[in-house]
């Protein structure tokens, strides 16, 4: 892979992205970096947290629980 930007000749960073703010390819670089950061943050929040005993901590979706309870209450009231 080249170590220089094909558009402006600026030296590329470790991820082979152009860091020259005057370059046409710089906007693409910012979009890719934002997408990478978003993907990394989603991966961090979607994994289950593990406590010191080695068991996974589970969380409940309270919105789903509330909607299920409301549906059951509505069915009971209609009978």
Protein backbone atom coordinates (compact mmCIF):
# COMPACT_ATOMS: atom_id res chain seq x y z
CA UNK A 1 0.00 0.00 0.00
CA UNK A 2 1.24 3.51 -0.69
CA UNK A 3 2.39 5.75 2.11
CA UNK A 4 1.24 8.89 0.29
CA UNK A 5 -2.24 10.12 -0.58
CA UNK A 6 -3.00 9.53 -4.28
CA UNK A 7 -4.84 12.88 -4.46
CA UNK A 8 -2.55 15.35 -2.68
CA UNK A 9 0.66 13.44 -1.89
CA UNK A 10 0.28 14.00 1.86
CA UNK A 11 1.72 11.28 4.10
CA UNK A 12 -0.94 8.79 5.25
CA UNK A 13 -1.50 7.89 8.91
CA UNK A 14 -1.25 4.40 10.45
CA UNK A 15 -4.70 3.46 9.05
CA UNK A 16 -3.73 4.67 5.55
CA UNK A 17 -6.03 7.70 5.82
CA UNK A 18 -5.13 11.16 4.53
CA UNK A 19 -4.98 13.79 7.28
CA UNK A 20 -4.59 16.83 5.00
CA UNK A 21 -7.67 19.00 5.66
CA UNK A 22 -7.35 20.62 2.22
CA UNK A 23 -7.46 17.26 0.41
CA UNK A 24 -10.58 15.99 -1.35
CA UNK A 25 -10.05 12.59 0.27
CA UNK A 26 -10.08 14.06 3.80
CA UNK A 27 -13.91 14.04 3.99
CA UNK A 28 -13.95 10.30 3.22
CA UNK A 29 -11.35 9.83 5.95
CA UNK A 30 -13.55 11.57 8.54
CA UNK A 31 -16.59 9.48 7.53
CA UNK A 32 -14.61 6.22 7.81
CA UNK A 33 -13.15 7.21 11.20
CA UNK A 34 -16.62 8.13 12.52
CA UNK A 35 -18.05 4.80 11.30
CA UNK A 36 -15.17 2.91 12.92
CA UNK A 37 -15.73 4.72 16.21
CA UNK A 38 -19.48 4.07 16.05
CA UNK A 39 -18.93 0.37 15.35
CA UNK A 40 -16.46 0.11 18.21
CA UNK A 41 -18.82 1.81 20.66
CA UNK A 42 -21.71 -0.45 19.57
CA UNK A 43 -19.55 -3.53 20.05
CA UNK A 44 -18.58 -2.36 23.54
CA UNK A 45 -22.17 -1.78 24.64
CA UNK A 46 -23.61 -4.93 23.05
CA UNK A 47 -21.30 -7.39 24.80
CA UNK A 48 -22.38 -8.78 28.15
CA UNK A 49 -20.49 -7.55 31.17
CA UNK A 50 -18.70 -10.25 33.12
CA UNK A 51 -18.23 -9.85 36.86
CA UNK A 52 -15.29 -11.17 38.90
CA UNK A 53 -16.91 -14.59 39.48
CA UNK A 54 -16.93 -15.24 35.73
CA UNK A 55 -20.69 -15.23 35.27
CA UNK A 56 -22.31 -12.96 32.74
CA UNK A 57 -24.49 -10.17 34.02
CA UNK A 58 -27.84 -10.02 32.25
CA UNK A 59 -30.05 -7.01 31.87
CA UNK A 60 -33.75 -6.96 31.25
CA UNK A 61 -35.48 -4.79 28.72
CA UNK A 62 -37.93 -2.90 30.91
CA UNK A 63 -39.81 -1.45 27.93
CA UNK A 64 -40.54 -4.93 26.61
CA UNK A 65 -41.54 -6.11 30.08
CA UNK A 66 -43.87 -3.12 30.53
CA UNK A 67 -45.54 -3.66 27.15
CA UNK A 68 -46.04 -7.37 27.90
CA UNK A 69 -47.59 -6.55 31.28
CA UNK A 70 -49.88 -3.96 29.67
CA UNK A 71 -51.00 -6.50 27.06
CA UNK A 72 -51.74 -9.09 29.75
CA UNK A 73 -53.69 -6.52 31.79
CA UNK A 74 -55.73 -5.53 28.74
CA UNK A 75 -56.54 -9.18 27.98
CA UNK A 76 -57.61 -9.77 31.60
CA UNK A 77 -59.79 -6.66 31.62
CA UNK A 78 -61.53 -7.63 28.38
CA UNK A 79 -62.56 -11.08 29.70
